[in-house]
Amino acid sequence: MKRAFQSPAKVNLFLRVLGKRADGYHEISTLMQPVSLFDELVISVSEGEGIAVVSDSVEAPGGEDNLAYKAARVFLQSTAIRRRVEISVKKVIPVGAGLGGGSSDAATVLMALNEMAGIWLPDGALMEMAARLGSDVPFFILKGPALAGGRGEKLKRAYLPELHYILINPGFHVSTVWVYSSLGLTNIGENNNLLYSYEVPASPEGVVEALANDLEAVTSKQYPEISGLKEMLKGAGALGTLMSGSGPTVFGVFHSRDEAERAYQFLAPVNKGAARIFLAKGL
């Protein structure tokens, strides 16, 4: 059995870092939304044993270190089933970009194998597997916006207005570990009242008012191009702009598809060299 799947990117509409935990992770409060920028996965499940992952990206090569491979291994070990799993990954989401592409691929593999192998585990069981693979992986199991706390694995569904985005990736990677280590926060406990008391914005204007990212100051100080890209998005008519995750991708929020398309055309000259620009809708 062979099937094709799409793995969406995500943006962080706000990201607050509340402190460093005893386990070395950071306690966060964030509002995330998947967007219509997709990696493409072709997954084959057959009789036999073993996992094979190939990728068209030198930045995210196949093999055992690929998160898609690790997801397949976790699923097969957790369910104790024997199958031959082959995965082909076409990378469209920039790597190391603050968009969660690798995490999304891993979540897609878990959900795909659950269906293709006929196991039909509930989302909760898949999310437990996902949490073993990375902080952002459980979010993609929800297939929609969510408030996230803890290190990102404590999730609460959110409902957002229709949103359209322009995303610009400047073409270089940023180390998430470096960004978080540069914050220099102190240890805190597990409690995260902000996550469950925050009111999710009901309009695009409300979303813009909520835009905030505690990591942006760290990343943009090292890479001033980020501030320049945000100014370009504002000049193209964005209601608001923000860096996603640990960066370096920035995004602009727009009222409508038409406004986003006009901005995309205006910003088309940016789409050259290493930089890449994307038009996307919130999912």
C-alpha atoms as a PDB file:
ATOM      1  CA  MET A   1       0.000   0.000   0.000  1.00  0.00           C
ATOM      2  CA  LYS A   2       1.387   3.377  -1.016  1.00  0.00           C
ATOM      3  CA  ARG A   3      -0.114   6.811  -0.360  1.00  0.00           C
ATOM      4  CA  ALA A   4       0.843  10.481  -0.560  1.00  0.00           C
ATOM      5  CA  PHE A   5       0.441  12.886   2.367  1.00  0.00           C
ATOM      6  CA  GLN A   6       0.979  16.590   2.996  1.00  0.00           C
ATOM      7  CA  SER A   7       2.694  17.930   6.119  1.00  0.00           C
ATOM      8  CA  PRO A   8       1.882  21.575   6.930  1.00  0.00           C
ATOM      9  CA  ALA A   9       4.193  24.222   8.337  1.00  0.00           C
ATOM     10  CA  LYS A  10       3.188  26.261  11.398  1.00  0.00           C
ATOM     11  CA  VAL A  11       3.539  29.810  12.644  1.00  0.00           C
ATOM     12  CA  ASN A  12       3.644  31.035  16.241  1.00  0.00           C
ATOM     13  CA  LEU A  13       1.223  33.933  16.656  1.00  0.00           C
ATOM     14  CA  PHE A  14       2.654  34.566  20.062  1.00  0.00           C
ATOM     15  CA  LEU A  15       5.443  32.857  21.968  1.00  0.00           C
ATOM     16  CA  ARG A  16       6.195  33.670  25.571  1.00  0.00           C
ATOM     17  CA  VAL A  17       9.125  32.009  27.330  1.00  0.00           C
ATOM     18  CA  LEU A  18       8.210  31.789  30.992  1.00  0.00           C
ATOM     19  CA  GLY A  19      11.435  30.328  32.323  1.00  0.00           C
ATOM     20  CA  LYS A  20      13.762  27.348  32.355  1.00  0.00           C
ATOM     21  CA  ARG A  21      12.606  24.048  33.795  1.00  0.00           C
ATOM     22  CA  ALA A  22      14.508  21.594  35.949  1.00  0.00           C
ATOM     23  CA  ASP A  23      14.642  19.139  33.031  1.00  0.00           C
ATOM     24  CA  GLY A  24      16.553  21.629  30.874  1.00  0.00           C
ATOM     25  CA  TYR A  25      13.631  22.551  28.624  1.00  0.00           C
ATOM     26  CA  HIS A  26      11.960  25.964  28.654  1.00  0.00           C
ATOM     27  CA  GLU A  27       8.442  26.574  29.860  1.00  0.00           C
ATOM     28  CA  ILE A  28       6.521  28.353  27.118  1.00  0.00           C
ATOM     29  CA  SER A  29       3.089  29.693  26.310  1.00  0.00           C
ATOM     30  CA  THR A  30       2.387  29.889  22.601  1.00  0.00           C
ATOM     31  CA  LEU A  31      -0.447  30.080  20.099  1.00  0.00           C
ATOM     32  CA  MET A  32       0.329  28.085  16.962  1.00  0.00           C
ATOM     33  CA  GLN A  33      -1.505  27.665  13.679  1.00  0.00           C
ATOM     34  CA  PRO A  34      -0.751  25.272  10.813  1.00  0.00           C
ATOM     35  CA  VAL A  35      -0.532  26.978   7.421  1.00  0.00           C
ATOM     36  CA  SER A  36      -0.890  25.864   3.810  1.00  0.00           C
ATOM     37  CA  LEU A  37       2.814  25.388   3.108  1.00  0.00           C
ATOM     38  CA  PHE A  38       3.458  21.671   2.832  1.00  0.00           C
ATOM     39  CA  ASP A  39       6.176  19.061   2.682  1.00  0.00           C
ATOM     40  CA  GLU A  40       5.120  16.087   0.571  1.00  0.00           C
ATOM     41  CA  LEU A  41       5.522  12.534   1.875  1.00  0.00           C
ATOM     42  CA  VAL A  42       4.964   9.295  -0.026  1.00  0.00           C
ATOM     43  CA  ILE A  43       4.627   6.400   2.403  1.00  0.00           C
ATOM     44  CA  SER A  44       4.585   2.704   1.548  1.00  0.00           C
ATOM     45  CA  VAL A  45       3.617  -0.035   4.008  1.00  0.00           C
ATOM     46  CA  SER A  46       4.132  -3.676   3.077  1.00  0.00           C
ATOM     47  CA  GLU A  47       4.809  -7.109   4.541  1.00  0.00           C
ATOM     48  CA  GLY A  48       8.245  -7.542   6.010  1.00  0.00           C
ATOM     49  CA  GLU A  49      10.400  -5.493   8.367  1.00  0.00           C
ATOM     50  CA  GLY A  50      12.594  -2.428   8.325  1.00  0.00           C
ATOM     51  CA  ILE A  51      12.398   1.305   7.650  1.00  0.00           C
ATOM     52  CA  ALA A  52      13.826   3.275   4.753  1.00  0.00           C
ATOM     53  CA  VAL A  53      13.615   7.060   4.396  1.00  0.00           C
ATOM     54  CA  VAL A  54      14.893   9.056   1.439  1.00  0.00           C
ATOM     55  CA  SER A  55      14.798  12.842   1.131  1.00  0.00           C
ATOM     56  CA  ASP A  56      15.371  15.272  -1.729  1.00  0.00           C
ATOM     57  CA  SER A  57      17.016  17.766   0.658  1.00  0.00           C
ATOM     58  CA  VAL A  58      20.700  17.819   1.571  1.00  0.00           C
ATOM     59  CA  GLU A  59      19.716  19.929   4.592  1.00  0.00           C
ATOM     60  CA  ALA A  60      17.346  17.231   5.885  1.00  0.00           C
ATOM     61  CA  PRO A  61      18.777  13.989   4.486  1.00  0.00           C
ATOM     62  CA  GLY A  62      17.102  10.601   4.776  1.00  0.00           C
ATOM     63  CA  GLY A  63      18.289   7.801   7.000  1.00  0.00           C
ATOM     64  CA  GLU A  64      18.058   7.146  10.712  1.00  0.00           C
ATOM     65  CA  ASP A  65      18.586  10.767  11.787  1.00  0.00           C
ATOM     66  CA  ASN A  66      15.538  12.008   9.882  1.00  0.00           C
ATOM     67  CA  LEU A  67      12.547  12.676  12.146  1.00  0.00           C
ATOM     68  CA  ALA A  68      10.290  10.764   9.735  1.00  0.00           C
ATOM     69  CA  TYR A  69      12.476   7.687  10.287  1.00  0.00           C
ATOM     70  CA  LYS A  70      12.380   8.153  14.056  1.00  0.00           C
ATOM     71  CA  ALA A  71       8.590   8.515  13.960  1.00  0.00           C
ATOM     72  CA  ALA A  72       8.193   5.277  12.019  1.00  0.00           C
ATOM     73  CA  ARG A  73      10.473   3.490  14.466  1.00  0.00           C
ATOM     74  CA  VAL A  74       8.574   4.807  17.497  1.00  0.00           C
ATOM     75  CA  PHE A  75       5.250   3.764  15.961  1.00  0.00           C
ATOM     76  CA  LEU A  76       6.391   0.238  15.079  1.00  0.00           C
ATOM     77  CA  GLN A  77       8.007  -0.282  18.478  1.00  0.00           C
ATOM     78  CA  SER A  78       5.023   1.115  20.378  1.00  0.00           C
ATOM     79  CA  THR A  79       2.475  -1.025  18.531  1.00  0.00           C
ATOM     80  CA  ALA A  80       4.704  -4.112  18.271  1.00  0.00           C
ATOM     81  CA  ILE A  81       3.659  -4.650  14.668  1.00  0.00           C
ATOM     82  CA  ARG A  82       5.935  -5.879  11.907  1.00  0.00           C
ATOM     83  CA  ARG A  83       5.800  -3.949   8.657  1.00  0.00           C
ATOM     84  CA  ARG A  84       8.175  -2.696   6.013  1.00  0.00           C
ATOM     85  CA  VAL A  85       7.890   1.098   5.905  1.00  0.00           C
ATOM     86  CA  GLU A  86       9.364   3.182   3.090  1.00  0.00           C
ATOM     87  CA  ILE A  87       9.110   6.983   3.126  1.00  0.00           C
ATOM     88  CA  SER A  88      10.048   9.496   0.459  1.00  0.00           C
ATOM     89  CA  VAL A  89      10.219  13.120   1.620  1.00  0.00           C
ATOM     90  CA  LYS A  90       9.987  16.109  -0.713  1.00  0.00           C
ATOM     91  CA  LYS A  91      11.022  19.143   1.327  1.00  0.00           C
ATOM     92  CA  VAL A  92       9.201  22.381   0.559  1.00  0.00           C
ATOM     93  CA  ILE A  93       9.174  23.885   4.066  1.00  0.00           C
ATOM     94  CA  PRO A  94      12.586  25.501   4.709  1.00  0.00           C
ATOM     95  CA  VAL A  95      14.766  23.594   7.173  1.00  0.00           C
ATOM     96  CA  GLY A  96      15.773  25.185  10.490  1.00  0.00           C
ATOM     97  CA  ALA A  97      13.347  27.999   9.821  1.00  0.00           C
ATOM     98  CA  GLY A  98      11.027  28.174  12.851  1.00  0.00           C
ATOM     99  CA  LEU A  99       8.203  26.583  10.830  1.00  0.00           C
ATOM    100  CA  GLY A 100       8.198  23.071  12.312  1.00  0.00           C
ATOM    101  CA  GLY A 101       8.727  21.182   9.068  1.00  0.00           C
ATOM    102  CA  GLY A 102      10.567  18.220  10.576  1.00  0.00           C
ATOM    103  CA  SER A 103       8.086  17.970  13.447  1.00  0.00           C
ATOM    104  CA  SER A 104       5.190  18.063  11.013  1.00  0.00           C
ATOM    105  CA  ASP A 105       6.735  15.293   8.916  1.00  0.00           C
ATOM    106  CA  ALA A 106       7.083  13.153  12.036  1.00  0.00           C
ATOM    107  CA  ALA A 107       3.450  13.714  13.041  1.00  0.00           C
ATOM    108  CA  THR A 108       2.290  12.893   9.508  1.00  0.00           C
ATOM    109  CA  VAL A 109       4.179   9.592   9.625  1.00  0.00           C
ATOM    110  CA  LEU A 110       2.527   8.647  12.932  1.00  0.00           C
ATOM    111  CA  MET A 111      -0.957   9.455  11.637  1.00  0.00           C
ATOM    112  CA  ALA A 112      -0.340   7.778   8.275  1.00  0.00           C
ATOM    113  CA  LEU A 113       0.972   4.540   9.756  1.00  0.00           C
ATOM    114  CA  ASN A 114      -1.888   4.461  12.242  1.00  0.00           C
ATOM    115  CA  GLU A 115      -4.302   4.456   9.325  1.00  0.00           C
ATOM    116  CA  MET A 116      -2.359   2.424   6.777  1.00  0.00           C
ATOM    117  CA  ALA A 117      -1.484  -0.340   9.240  1.00  0.00           C
ATOM    118  CA  GLY A 118      -5.102  -0.497  10.415  1.00  0.00           C
ATOM    119  CA  ILE A 119      -4.248   0.180  14.055  1.00  0.00           C
ATOM    120  CA  TRP A 120      -6.583   3.186  14.594  1.00  0.00           C
ATOM    121  CA  LEU A 121      -5.130   4.398  17.866  1.00  0.00           C
ATOM    122  CA  PRO A 122      -6.793   7.529  19.314  1.00  0.00           C
ATOM    123  CA  ASP A 123      -5.088  10.893  18.956  1.00  0.00           C
ATOM    124  CA  GLY A 124      -4.061  10.807  22.598  1.00  0.00           C
ATOM    125  CA  ALA A 125      -1.936   7.713  22.048  1.00  0.00           C
ATOM    126  CA  LEU A 126      -0.339   9.245  18.966  1.00  0.00           C
ATOM    127  CA  MET A 127       0.400  12.423  20.900  1.00  0.00           C
ATOM    128  CA  GLU A 128       2.209  10.411  23.577  1.00  0.00           C
ATOM    129  CA  MET A 129       4.423   8.948  20.852  1.00  0.00           C
ATOM    130  CA  ALA A 130       4.816  12.406  19.314  1.00  0.00           C
ATOM    131  CA  ALA A 131       6.040  13.927  22.588  1.00  0.00           C
ATOM    132  CA  ARG A 132       8.956  11.486  22.531  1.00  0.00           C
ATOM    133  CA  LEU A 133      10.049  12.873  19.163  1.00  0.00           C
ATOM    134  CA  GLY A 134      10.029  16.621  19.829  1.00  0.00           C
ATOM    135  CA  SER A 135       8.217  19.459  21.550  1.00  0.00           C
ATOM    136  CA  ASP A 136       6.294  20.605  18.452  1.00  0.00           C
ATOM    137  CA  VAL A 137       5.313  17.158  17.155  1.00  0.00           C
ATOM    138  CA  PRO A 138       2.140  16.655  19.274  1.00  0.00           C
ATOM    139  CA  PHE A 139       0.714  19.946  17.983  1.00  0.00           C
ATOM    140  CA  PHE A 140       0.525  18.651  14.420  1.00  0.00           C
ATOM    141  CA  ILE A 141      -1.604  15.678  15.514  1.00  0.00           C
ATOM    142  CA  LEU A 142      -4.423  18.153  16.296  1.00  0.00           C
ATOM    143  CA  LYS A 143      -4.614  19.430  12.699  1.00  0.00           C
ATOM    144  CA  GLY A 144      -5.618  22.923  13.775  1.00  0.00           C
ATOM    145  CA  PRO A 145      -4.681  25.947  15.904  1.00  0.00           C
ATOM    146  CA  ALA A 146      -3.791  25.366  19.533  1.00  0.00           C
ATOM    147  CA  LEU A 147      -2.534  27.024  22.663  1.00  0.00           C
ATOM    148  CA  ALA A 148       0.505  25.153  23.912  1.00  0.00           C
ATOM    149  CA  GLY A 149       2.197  25.118  27.290  1.00  0.00           C
ATOM    150  CA  GLY A 150       4.832  23.112  29.107  1.00  0.00           C
ATOM    151  CA  ARG A 151       7.635  22.613  26.586  1.00  0.00           C
ATOM    152  CA  GLY A 152       4.960  22.689  23.875  1.00  0.00           C
ATOM    153  CA  GLU A 153       3.282  19.342  24.496  1.00  0.00           C
ATOM    154  CA  LYS A 154       0.399  20.595  26.690  1.00  0.00           C
ATOM    155  CA  LEU A 155      -2.221  21.510  24.120  1.00  0.00           C
ATOM    156  CA  LYS A 156      -5.611  23.167  24.102  1.00  0.00           C
ATOM    157  CA  ARG A 157      -7.541  23.654  20.854  1.00  0.00           C
ATOM    158  CA  ALA A 158      -8.019  27.231  19.714  1.00  0.00           C
ATOM    159  CA  TYR A 159     -10.375  28.746  17.161  1.00  0.00           C
ATOM    160  CA  LEU A 160      -9.080  31.586  15.038  1.00  0.00           C
ATOM    161  CA  PRO A 161     -10.593  33.885  12.405  1.00  0.00           C
ATOM    162  CA  GLU A 162      -9.654  33.317   8.767  1.00  0.00           C
ATOM    163  CA  LEU A 163      -6.079  34.460   8.349  1.00  0.00           C
ATOM    164  CA  HIS A 164      -3.805  34.844   5.343  1.00  0.00           C
ATOM    165  CA  TYR A 165      -0.036  35.084   5.469  1.00  0.00           C
ATOM    166  CA  ILE A 166       3.080  35.988   3.568  1.00  0.00           C
ATOM    167  CA  LEU A 167       6.100  34.107   4.904  1.00  0.00           C
ATOM    168  CA  ILE A 168       9.659  35.126   4.064  1.00  0.00           C
ATOM    169  CA  ASN A 169      12.590  32.877   4.848  1.00  0.00           C
ATOM    170  CA  PRO A 170      15.937  34.675   4.436  1.00  0.00           C
ATOM    171  CA  GLY A 171      17.743  31.489   3.490  1.00  0.00           C
ATOM    172  CA  PHE A 172      19.891  30.769   6.517  1.00  0.00           C
ATOM    173  CA  HIS A 173      19.436  28.507   9.537  1.00  0.00           C
ATOM    174  CA  VAL A 174      19.119  29.507  13.170  1.00  0.00           C
ATOM    175  CA  SER A 175      19.950  27.102  15.991  1.00  0.00           C
ATOM    176  CA  THR A 176      16.970  26.745  18.332  1.00  0.00           C
ATOM    177  CA  VAL A 177      19.321  25.600  21.097  1.00  0.00           C
ATOM    178  CA  TRP A 178      21.432  28.739  20.682  1.00  0.00           C
ATOM    179  CA  VAL A 179      18.407  31.054  20.757  1.00  0.00           C
ATOM    180  CA  TYR A 180      16.962  29.567  23.934  1.00  0.00           C
ATOM    181  CA  SER A 181      20.345  29.417  25.660  1.00  0.00           C
ATOM    182  CA  SER A 182      20.846  33.108  24.914  1.00  0.00           C
ATOM    183  CA  LEU A 183      17.744  34.055  26.913  1.00  0.00           C
ATOM    184  CA  GLY A 184      19.453  33.331  30.238  1.00  0.00           C
ATOM    185  CA  LEU A 185      16.240  32.584  32.125  1.00  0.00           C
ATOM    186  CA  THR A 186      15.998  31.121  35.611  1.00  0.00           C
ATOM    187  CA  ASN A 187      14.390  27.847  36.625  1.00  0.00           C
ATOM    188  CA  ILE A 188      10.640  27.878  37.244  1.00  0.00           C
ATOM    189  CA  GLY A 189       7.974  25.373  38.176  1.00  0.00           C
ATOM    190  CA  GLU A 190       5.496  23.546  35.972  1.00  0.00           C
ATOM    191  CA  ASN A 191       2.524  25.846  36.569  1.00  0.00           C
ATOM    192  CA  ASN A 192       1.396  27.771  33.508  1.00  0.00           C
ATOM    193  CA  ASN A 193      -1.703  29.822  34.241  1.00  0.00           C
ATOM    194  CA  LEU A 194      -1.143  32.091  31.241  1.00  0.00           C
ATOM    195  CA  LEU A 195      -1.873  29.272  28.796  1.00  0.00           C
ATOM    196  CA  TYR A 196      -5.390  28.662  30.037  1.00  0.00           C
ATOM    197  CA  SER A 197      -6.340  32.214  30.932  1.00  0.00           C
ATOM    198  CA  TYR A 198      -5.356  33.729  27.587  1.00  0.00           C
ATOM    199  CA  GLU A 199      -8.260  34.767  25.375  1.00  0.00           C
ATOM    200  CA  VAL A 200      -7.761  33.652  21.770  1.00  0.00           C
ATOM    201  CA  PRO A 201      -8.240  36.593  19.370  1.00  0.00           C
ATOM    202  CA  ALA A 202     -11.559  36.567  17.486  1.00  0.00           C
ATOM    203  CA  SER A 203     -10.556  38.914  14.656  1.00  0.00           C
ATOM    204  CA  PRO A 204      -7.480  39.566  12.496  1.00  0.00           C
ATOM    205  CA  GLU A 205      -7.002  42.852  14.359  1.00  0.00           C
ATOM    206  CA  GLY A 206      -7.064  40.944  17.648  1.00  0.00           C
ATOM    207  CA  VAL A 207      -4.462  38.535  16.320  1.00  0.00           C
ATOM    208  CA  VAL A 208      -2.237  41.457  15.360  1.00  0.00           C
ATOM    209  CA  GLU A 209      -2.540  42.945  18.848  1.00  0.00           C
ATOM    210  CA  ALA A 210      -1.459  39.604  20.320  1.00  0.00           C
ATOM    211  CA  LEU A 211       1.619  39.182  18.109  1.00  0.00           C
ATOM    212  CA  ALA A 212       4.662  38.742  20.339  1.00  0.00           C
ATOM    213  CA  ASN A 213       7.738  36.531  20.381  1.00  0.00           C
ATOM    214  CA  ASP A 214      10.231  36.566  23.239  1.00  0.00           C
ATOM    215  CA  LEU A 215      12.818  34.876  21.014  1.00  0.00           C
ATOM    216  CA  GLU A 216      12.736  37.549  18.314  1.00  0.00           C
ATOM    217  CA  ALA A 217      14.969  40.029  20.130  1.00  0.00           C
ATOM    218  CA  VAL A 218      17.691  37.397  20.494  1.00  0.00           C
ATOM    219  CA  THR A 219      17.586  36.218  16.887  1.00  0.00           C
ATOM    220  CA  SER A 220      17.184  39.643  15.272  1.00  0.00           C
ATOM    221  CA  LYS A 221      20.122  41.048  17.270  1.00  0.00           C
ATOM    222  CA  GLN A 222      22.341  38.421  15.675  1.00  0.00           C
ATOM    223  CA  TYR A 223      20.606  38.602  12.292  1.00  0.00           C
ATOM    224  CA  PRO A 224      19.412  42.174  11.568  1.00  0.00           C
ATOM    225  CA  GLU A 225      17.982  40.971   8.238  1.00  0.00           C
ATOM    226  CA  ILE A 226      14.941  39.828  10.214  1.00  0.00           C
ATOM    227  CA  SER A 227      13.965  43.382  11.136  1.00  0.00           C
ATOM    228  CA  GLY A 228      14.433  44.433   7.514  1.00  0.00           C
ATOM    229  CA  LEU A 229      12.109  41.705   6.255  1.00  0.00           C
ATOM    230  CA  LYS A 230       9.457  42.744   8.770  1.00  0.00           C
ATOM    231  CA  GLU A 231       9.637  46.305   7.494  1.00  0.00           C
ATOM    232  CA  MET A 232       9.237  45.040   3.935  1.00  0.00           C
ATOM    233  CA  LEU A 233       6.095  43.144   4.925  1.00  0.00           C
ATOM    234  CA  LYS A 234       4.654  46.228   6.621  1.00  0.00           C
ATOM    235  CA  GLY A 235       5.414  48.231   3.495  1.00  0.00           C
ATOM    236  CA  ALA A 236       3.503  45.638   1.466  1.00  0.00           C
ATOM    237  CA  GLY A 237       0.392  46.162   3.593  1.00  0.00           C
ATOM    238  CA  ALA A 238       0.662  43.558   6.356  1.00  0.00           C
ATOM    239  CA  LEU A 239      -1.575  44.226   9.358  1.00  0.00           C
ATOM    240  CA  GLY A 240       1.205  42.976  11.594  1.00  0.00           C
ATOM    241  CA  THR A 241       4.452  41.031  11.394  1.00  0.00           C
ATOM    242  CA  LEU A 242       6.367  38.580  13.579  1.00  0.00           C
ATOM    243  CA  MET A 243       9.195  36.081  13.534  1.00  0.00           C
ATOM    244  CA  SER A 244       7.967  32.487  13.840  1.00  0.00           C
ATOM    245  CA  GLY A 245       9.431  30.283  16.562  1.00  0.00           C
ATOM    246  CA  SER A 246      13.179  30.671  16.950  1.00  0.00           C
ATOM    247  CA  GLY A 247      13.357  32.048  13.410  1.00  0.00           C
ATOM    248  CA  PRO A 248      14.587  33.175  11.063  1.00  0.00           C
ATOM    249  CA  THR A 249      11.323  33.048   9.037  1.00  0.00           C
ATOM    250  CA  VAL A 250       9.085  36.104   9.429  1.00  0.00           C
ATOM    251  CA  PHE A 251       5.446  36.405   8.453  1.00  0.00           C
ATOM    252  CA  GLY A 252       2.890  39.100   7.773  1.00  0.00           C
ATOM    253  CA  VAL A 253      -0.820  38.828   8.593  1.00  0.00           C
ATOM    254  CA  PHE A 254      -3.372  39.963   6.014  1.00  0.00           C
ATOM    255  CA  HIS A 255      -7.136  40.513   6.037  1.00  0.00           C
ATOM    256  CA  SER A 256      -7.889  38.597   2.863  1.00  0.00           C
ATOM    257  CA  ARG A 257      -6.471  36.348   0.186  1.00  0.00           C
ATOM    258  CA  ASP A 258      -6.612  39.230  -2.311  1.00  0.00           C
ATOM    259  CA  GLU A 259      -4.546  41.511  -0.067  1.00  0.00           C
ATOM    260  CA  ALA A 260      -2.026  38.744   0.551  1.00  0.00           C
ATOM    261  CA  GLU A 261      -1.750  38.024  -3.181  1.00  0.00           C
ATOM    262  CA  ARG A 262      -1.137  41.697  -3.965  1.00  0.00           C
ATOM    263  CA  ALA A 263       1.570  41.785  -1.315  1.00  0.00           C
ATOM    264  CA  TYR A 264       3.085  38.608  -2.729  1.00  0.00           C
ATOM    265  CA  GLN A 265       3.372  40.202  -6.150  1.00  0.00           C
ATOM    266  CA  PHE A 266       4.819  43.382  -4.639  1.00  0.00           C
ATOM    267  CA  LEU A 267       7.426  41.351  -2.751  1.00  0.00           C
ATOM    268  CA  ALA A 268       8.241  39.014  -5.648  1.00  0.00           C
ATOM    269  CA  PRO A 269      11.753  40.493  -6.103  1.00  0.00           C
ATOM    270  CA  VAL A 270      12.604  39.106  -2.637  1.00  0.00           C
ATOM    271  CA  ASN A 271      12.126  35.583  -4.012  1.00  0.00           C
ATOM    272  CA  LYS A 272      15.636  35.264  -5.378  1.00  0.00           C
ATOM    273  CA  GLY A 273      18.924  33.792  -4.316  1.00  0.00           C
ATOM    274  CA  ALA A 274      18.692  32.022  -0.972  1.00  0.00           C
ATOM    275  CA  ALA A 275      15.611  33.932   0.216  1.00  0.00           C
ATOM    276  CA  ARG A 276      12.183  32.398  -0.321  1.00  0.00           C
ATOM    277  CA  ILE A 277       8.707  33.903  -0.078  1.00  0.00           C
ATOM    278  CA  PHE A 278       5.455  31.967   0.385  1.00  0.00           C
ATOM    279  CA  LEU A 279       1.752  32.777   0.219  1.00  0.00           C
ATOM    280  CA  ALA A 280      -0.236  30.733   2.748  1.00  0.00           C
ATOM    281  CA  LYS A 281      -3.566  30.451   4.513  1.00  0.00           C
ATOM    282  CA  GLY A 282      -4.156  29.489   8.126  1.00  0.00           C
ATOM    283  CA  LEU A 283      -5.587  25.994   8.489  1.00  0.00           C
END
